[in-house]
Amino acid sequence: MVRKLKFDVYFITDLNFGWTHEQFAETTLKAGIRVIQFREKRMSTKQMFEIAKRLRKLTEYYDAILIINDRVDLALAVDADGVHVGQDLPAEAVREIFDGIVGVFCSYRWGSSRGIQARR
């Protein structure tokens, strides 16, 4: 049976505000948010992996969902619940190797109908 997910609000981590990814995640999880998206573009893969492992532990503790941004390899490595991919990697290709939530980037210019089609 597929678990129905409700994504009213979810949090995307960011280092631009002086907190770590883990600090942001734990604060928002304590506030009741149950979906965390780990987004990081400037760190090495090893650094991202270590953070993703810690985020996975936090989300498991709070019975929350962890989504990894743009890195299917990290999502697989930490057993994340989902991955969010941009325009460079088709969702259909991700689904061939990842059996979880697959989110896609949609912009007005790119076409939201394409994003909806990719979810099916």
N, C-alpha and C. Protein backbone atom coordinates (compact mmCIF):
# COMPACT_ATOMS: atom_id res chain seq x y z
N MET A 1 0.84 -1.19 0.00
CA MET A 1 0.00 0.00 0.00
C MET A 1 0.88 1.25 0.00
N VAL A 2 0.56 2.18 -0.85
CA VAL A 2 1.32 3.42 -0.95
C VAL A 2 0.81 4.39 0.10
N ARG A 3 1.73 4.95 0.87
CA ARG A 3 1.38 5.93 1.88
C ARG A 3 1.05 7.25 1.21
N LYS A 4 -0.15 7.78 1.49
CA LYS A 4 -0.54 9.07 0.93
C LYS A 4 0.22 10.17 1.67
N LEU A 5 0.85 11.02 0.92
CA LEU A 5 1.66 12.08 1.49
C LEU A 5 0.95 13.42 1.34
N LYS A 6 1.02 14.21 2.38
CA LYS A 6 0.46 15.55 2.35
C LYS A 6 1.59 16.54 2.58
N PHE A 7 1.89 17.33 1.58
CA PHE A 7 3.00 18.26 1.64
C PHE A 7 2.46 19.69 1.73
N ASP A 8 1.75 20.01 2.80
CA ASP A 8 1.28 21.38 2.96
C ASP A 8 2.45 22.34 3.07
N VAL A 9 3.39 21.99 3.92
CA VAL A 9 4.57 22.81 4.15
C VAL A 9 5.75 21.89 4.32
N TYR A 10 6.85 22.20 3.67
CA TYR A 10 8.08 21.48 3.97
C TYR A 10 9.23 22.45 3.95
N PHE A 11 10.31 22.05 4.60
CA PHE A 11 11.42 22.96 4.80
C PHE A 11 12.61 22.57 3.95
N ILE A 12 13.23 23.56 3.33
CA ILE A 12 14.45 23.35 2.55
C ILE A 12 15.59 23.97 3.33
N THR A 13 16.58 23.15 3.67
CA THR A 13 17.71 23.65 4.46
C THR A 13 18.56 24.59 3.62
N ASP A 14 19.24 25.52 4.32
CA ASP A 14 20.07 26.51 3.65
C ASP A 14 21.10 27.02 4.64
N LEU A 15 22.32 27.20 4.19
CA LEU A 15 23.38 27.68 5.08
C LEU A 15 23.54 29.20 5.06
N ASN A 16 22.73 29.91 4.34
CA ASN A 16 22.90 31.35 4.19
C ASN A 16 22.46 32.17 5.41
N PHE A 17 21.98 31.53 6.47
CA PHE A 17 21.45 32.26 7.60
C PHE A 17 22.20 32.00 8.90
N GLY A 18 23.37 31.36 8.82
CA GLY A 18 24.22 31.19 9.98
C GLY A 18 23.97 29.95 10.81
N TRP A 19 23.04 29.12 10.42
CA TRP A 19 22.79 27.85 11.11
C TRP A 19 23.24 26.71 10.22
N THR A 20 23.50 25.55 10.83
CA THR A 20 23.82 24.36 10.05
C THR A 20 22.53 23.75 9.51
N HIS A 21 22.69 22.86 8.56
CA HIS A 21 21.54 22.12 8.03
C HIS A 21 20.82 21.38 9.16
N GLU A 22 21.61 20.79 10.04
CA GLU A 22 21.04 20.01 11.14
C GLU A 22 20.27 20.91 12.12
N GLN A 23 20.81 22.09 12.40
CA GLN A 23 20.12 23.01 13.31
C GLN A 23 18.78 23.46 12.72
N PHE A 24 18.79 23.81 11.45
CA PHE A 24 17.54 24.18 10.79
C PHE A 24 16.55 23.02 10.81
N ALA A 25 17.02 21.83 10.45
CA ALA A 25 16.13 20.68 10.39
C ALA A 25 15.52 20.38 11.75
N GLU A 26 16.35 20.33 12.78
CA GLU A 26 15.81 19.99 14.10
C GLU A 26 14.83 21.05 14.60
N THR A 27 15.13 22.30 14.38
CA THR A 27 14.22 23.37 14.80
C THR A 27 12.87 23.26 14.10
N THR A 28 12.89 23.01 12.80
CA THR A 28 11.63 22.91 12.07
C THR A 28 10.89 21.62 12.40
N LEU A 29 11.62 20.53 12.64
CA LEU A 29 10.98 19.28 13.05
C LEU A 29 10.30 19.44 14.41
N LYS A 30 10.95 20.13 15.33
CA LYS A 30 10.35 20.39 16.64
C LYS A 30 9.09 21.25 16.51
N ALA A 31 9.05 22.09 15.49
CA ALA A 31 7.89 22.95 15.25
C ALA A 31 6.75 22.23 14.54
N GLY A 32 6.99 20.98 14.14
CA GLY A 32 5.92 20.20 13.53
C GLY A 32 6.03 19.95 12.04
N ILE A 33 7.01 20.53 11.39
CA ILE A 33 7.22 20.26 9.97
C ILE A 33 7.66 18.81 9.83
N ARG A 34 7.11 18.09 8.87
CA ARG A 34 7.43 16.67 8.73
C ARG A 34 8.06 16.29 7.40
N VAL A 35 8.51 17.29 6.65
CA VAL A 35 9.26 17.03 5.41
C VAL A 35 10.44 18.00 5.37
N ILE A 36 11.63 17.45 5.27
CA ILE A 36 12.86 18.23 5.18
C ILE A 36 13.53 17.93 3.85
N GLN A 37 13.88 18.99 3.13
CA GLN A 37 14.65 18.83 1.90
C GLN A 37 16.05 19.36 2.13
N PHE A 38 17.03 18.50 1.96
CA PHE A 38 18.44 18.87 2.12
C PHE A 38 18.95 19.40 0.79
N ARG A 39 19.26 20.69 0.79
CA ARG A 39 19.75 21.34 -0.42
C ARG A 39 21.12 21.95 -0.14
N GLU A 40 22.10 21.51 -0.90
CA GLU A 40 23.46 22.00 -0.72
C GLU A 40 24.18 21.93 -2.06
N LYS A 41 24.80 23.02 -2.45
CA LYS A 41 25.47 23.07 -3.76
C LYS A 41 26.97 23.32 -3.66
N ARG A 42 27.47 23.65 -2.45
CA ARG A 42 28.86 24.09 -2.35
C ARG A 42 29.80 23.12 -1.65
N MET A 43 29.32 22.07 -1.08
CA MET A 43 30.17 21.15 -0.30
C MET A 43 30.63 19.97 -1.14
N SER A 44 31.62 19.31 -0.63
CA SER A 44 32.07 18.07 -1.27
C SER A 44 31.03 16.98 -1.05
N THR A 45 31.10 15.96 -1.85
CA THR A 45 30.18 14.84 -1.71
C THR A 45 30.32 14.20 -0.34
N LYS A 46 31.54 14.06 0.15
CA LYS A 46 31.76 13.46 1.47
C LYS A 46 31.10 14.29 2.56
N GLN A 47 31.27 15.61 2.51
CA GLN A 47 30.63 16.47 3.51
C GLN A 47 29.11 16.35 3.44
N MET A 48 28.58 16.36 2.22
CA MET A 48 27.14 16.24 2.05
C MET A 48 26.63 14.90 2.56
N PHE A 49 27.38 13.85 2.32
CA PHE A 49 27.00 12.52 2.80
C PHE A 49 26.92 12.49 4.33
N GLU A 50 27.89 13.07 4.99
CA GLU A 50 27.89 13.08 6.46
C GLU A 50 26.69 13.86 7.00
N ILE A 51 26.39 14.99 6.39
CA ILE A 51 25.23 15.77 6.82
C ILE A 51 23.94 15.01 6.53
N ALA A 52 23.85 14.42 5.36
CA ALA A 52 22.64 13.68 4.99
C ALA A 52 22.39 12.51 5.95
N LYS A 53 23.46 11.85 6.40
CA LYS A 53 23.29 10.76 7.39
C LYS A 53 22.70 11.31 8.69
N ARG A 54 23.19 12.46 9.13
CA ARG A 54 22.67 13.05 10.36
C ARG A 54 21.22 13.52 10.19
N LEU A 55 20.91 14.06 9.03
CA LEU A 55 19.54 14.46 8.76
C LEU A 55 18.61 13.26 8.70
N ARG A 56 19.12 12.16 8.16
CA ARG A 56 18.31 10.94 8.11
C ARG A 56 17.96 10.48 9.53
N LYS A 57 18.94 10.52 10.44
CA LYS A 57 18.68 10.13 11.83
C LYS A 57 17.64 11.05 12.47
N LEU A 58 17.77 12.34 12.23
CA LEU A 58 16.80 13.29 12.77
C LEU A 58 15.39 13.03 12.23
N THR A 59 15.29 12.86 10.94
CA THR A 59 13.96 12.64 10.35
C THR A 59 13.36 11.31 10.79
N GLU A 60 14.18 10.31 10.98
CA GLU A 60 13.65 9.05 11.52
C GLU A 60 13.15 9.24 12.94
N TYR A 61 13.89 9.96 13.76
CA TYR A 61 13.50 10.21 15.16
C TYR A 61 12.15 10.93 15.23
N TYR A 62 11.95 11.90 14.33
CA TYR A 62 10.72 12.69 14.33
C TYR A 62 9.64 12.12 13.39
N ASP A 63 9.88 10.92 12.87
CA ASP A 63 8.96 10.28 11.93
C ASP A 63 8.61 11.22 10.77
N ALA A 64 9.65 11.76 10.18
CA ALA A 64 9.50 12.73 9.11
C ALA A 64 10.14 12.21 7.83
N ILE A 65 9.90 12.91 6.76
CA ILE A 65 10.39 12.55 5.43
C ILE A 65 11.64 13.36 5.11
N LEU A 66 12.63 12.69 4.55
CA LEU A 66 13.86 13.35 4.10
C LEU A 66 13.93 13.27 2.58
N ILE A 67 14.09 14.44 1.97
CA ILE A 67 14.26 14.54 0.53
C ILE A 67 15.64 15.16 0.28
N ILE A 68 16.37 14.55 -0.63
CA ILE A 68 17.70 15.06 -1.00
C ILE A 68 17.58 15.80 -2.32
N ASN A 69 18.16 16.97 -2.38
CA ASN A 69 18.08 17.80 -3.58
C ASN A 69 19.18 17.41 -4.58
N ASP A 70 18.77 17.08 -5.78
CA ASP A 70 19.66 16.88 -6.95
C ASP A 70 20.67 15.74 -6.86
N ARG A 71 20.67 14.95 -5.81
CA ARG A 71 21.70 13.92 -5.67
C ARG A 71 21.07 12.56 -5.39
N VAL A 72 20.75 11.85 -6.46
CA VAL A 72 20.17 10.51 -6.32
C VAL A 72 21.14 9.59 -5.60
N ASP A 73 22.44 9.75 -5.85
CA ASP A 73 23.43 8.89 -5.19
C ASP A 73 23.38 9.05 -3.67
N LEU A 74 23.27 10.29 -3.20
CA LEU A 74 23.18 10.51 -1.75
C LEU A 74 21.86 10.01 -1.19
N ALA A 75 20.79 10.20 -1.93
CA ALA A 75 19.48 9.71 -1.49
C ALA A 75 19.52 8.20 -1.30
N LEU A 76 20.13 7.51 -2.22
CA LEU A 76 20.27 6.06 -2.10
C LEU A 76 21.19 5.68 -0.94
N ALA A 77 22.28 6.41 -0.79
CA ALA A 77 23.28 6.08 0.23
C ALA A 77 22.76 6.23 1.65
N VAL A 78 21.85 7.18 1.88
CA VAL A 78 21.34 7.40 3.24
C VAL A 78 19.92 6.89 3.41
N ASP A 79 19.40 6.20 2.40
CA ASP A 79 18.04 5.67 2.44
C ASP A 79 17.02 6.78 2.66
N ALA A 80 17.18 7.86 1.90
CA ALA A 80 16.23 8.97 1.98
C ALA A 80 14.88 8.54 1.41
N ASP A 81 13.86 9.26 1.82
CA ASP A 81 12.51 8.96 1.35
C ASP A 81 12.27 9.48 -0.05
N GLY A 82 13.04 10.51 -0.43
CA GLY A 82 12.81 11.10 -1.73
C GLY A 82 14.01 11.85 -2.25
N VAL A 83 13.88 12.24 -3.50
CA VAL A 83 14.90 13.04 -4.17
C VAL A 83 14.18 14.07 -5.02
N HIS A 84 14.75 15.26 -5.07
CA HIS A 84 14.20 16.32 -5.91
C HIS A 84 15.20 16.60 -7.01
N VAL A 85 14.75 16.50 -8.25
CA VAL A 85 15.67 16.68 -9.38
C VAL A 85 15.27 17.90 -10.19
N GLY A 86 16.27 18.49 -10.81
CA GLY A 86 16.04 19.66 -11.64
C GLY A 86 15.74 19.27 -13.06
N GLN A 87 16.08 20.14 -13.97
CA GLN A 87 15.79 19.92 -15.38
C GLN A 87 16.83 19.06 -16.07
N ASP A 88 17.98 18.85 -15.44
CA ASP A 88 19.07 18.11 -16.09
C ASP A 88 18.86 16.60 -16.12
N LEU A 89 18.10 16.08 -15.16
CA LEU A 89 17.92 14.64 -15.04
C LEU A 89 16.43 14.30 -15.09
N PRO A 90 16.00 13.57 -16.11
CA PRO A 90 14.57 13.25 -16.22
C PRO A 90 14.08 12.38 -15.07
N ALA A 91 12.91 12.69 -14.56
CA ALA A 91 12.32 11.92 -13.46
C ALA A 91 12.17 10.45 -13.84
N GLU A 92 11.87 10.19 -15.08
CA GLU A 92 11.70 8.80 -15.52
C GLU A 92 12.98 8.00 -15.33
N ALA A 93 14.12 8.62 -15.59
CA ALA A 93 15.41 7.95 -15.39
C ALA A 93 15.67 7.70 -13.91
N VAL A 94 15.31 8.67 -13.08
CA VAL A 94 15.50 8.51 -11.63
C VAL A 94 14.66 7.36 -11.12
N ARG A 95 13.43 7.25 -11.58
CA ARG A 95 12.53 6.18 -11.11
C ARG A 95 13.05 4.78 -11.45
N GLU A 96 13.89 4.70 -12.44
CA GLU A 96 14.46 3.39 -12.80
C GLU A 96 15.41 2.88 -11.73
N ILE A 97 16.01 3.79 -10.96
CA ILE A 97 16.98 3.36 -9.95
C ILE A 97 16.59 3.73 -8.53
N PHE A 98 15.58 4.59 -8.37
CA PHE A 98 15.20 5.07 -7.04
C PHE A 98 13.72 4.79 -6.80
N ASP A 99 13.45 4.04 -5.75
CA ASP A 99 12.07 3.65 -5.44
C ASP A 99 11.55 4.48 -4.26
N GLY A 100 11.37 5.75 -4.49
CA GLY A 100 10.88 6.64 -3.45
C GLY A 100 10.19 7.82 -4.09
N ILE A 101 10.03 8.88 -3.31
CA ILE A 101 9.42 10.10 -3.81
C ILE A 101 10.38 10.75 -4.80
N VAL A 102 9.87 11.13 -5.95
CA VAL A 102 10.67 11.85 -6.94
C VAL A 102 9.97 13.16 -7.23
N GLY A 103 10.59 14.24 -6.78
CA GLY A 103 10.06 15.57 -7.07
C GLY A 103 10.80 16.16 -8.23
N VAL A 104 10.12 16.98 -9.00
CA VAL A 104 10.74 17.61 -10.16
C VAL A 104 10.57 19.12 -10.10
N PHE A 105 11.53 19.82 -10.63
CA PHE A 105 11.47 21.27 -10.71
C PHE A 105 10.52 21.66 -11.83
N CYS A 106 9.63 22.57 -11.54
CA CYS A 106 8.71 23.08 -12.55
C CYS A 106 8.70 24.60 -12.47
N SER A 107 8.88 25.23 -13.59
CA SER A 107 8.73 26.68 -13.63
C SER A 107 7.74 26.99 -14.73
N TYR A 108 7.24 28.18 -14.69
CA TYR A 108 6.28 28.57 -15.72
C TYR A 108 6.87 28.41 -17.11
N ARG A 109 8.12 28.83 -17.26
CA ARG A 109 8.77 28.76 -18.56
C ARG A 109 8.97 27.32 -19.01
N TRP A 110 9.37 26.46 -18.06
CA TRP A 110 9.67 25.07 -18.40
C TRP A 110 8.39 24.28 -18.63
N GLY A 111 7.35 24.61 -17.90
CA GLY A 111 6.07 23.95 -18.13
C GLY A 111 5.66 23.06 -16.98
N SER A 112 4.70 23.51 -16.20
CA SER A 112 4.25 22.72 -15.07
C SER A 112 3.57 21.44 -15.51
N SER A 113 2.99 21.40 -16.71
CA SER A 113 2.34 20.17 -17.16
C SER A 113 3.37 19.05 -17.33
N ARG A 114 4.59 19.39 -17.70
CA ARG A 114 5.64 18.37 -17.82
C ARG A 114 5.98 17.79 -16.46
N GLY A 115 6.01 18.63 -15.42
CA GLY A 115 6.24 18.15 -14.07
C GLY A 115 5.16 17.23 -13.60
N ILE A 116 3.93 17.55 -13.91
CA ILE A 116 2.81 16.70 -13.52
C ILE A 116 2.90 15.35 -14.24
N GLN A 117 3.24 15.38 -15.51
CA GLN A 117 3.38 14.13 -16.25
C GLN A 117 4.49 13.26 -15.68
N ALA A 118 5.56 13.87 -15.22
CA ALA A 118 6.70 13.12 -14.70
C ALA A 118 6.36 12.40 -13.41
N ARG A 119 5.36 12.86 -12.68
CA ARG A 119 4.99 12.22 -11.42
C ARG A 119 4.24 10.90 -11.63
N ARG A 120 3.64 10.72 -12.76
CA ARG A 120 2.80 9.53 -12.99
C ARG A 120 3.60 8.28 -13.20
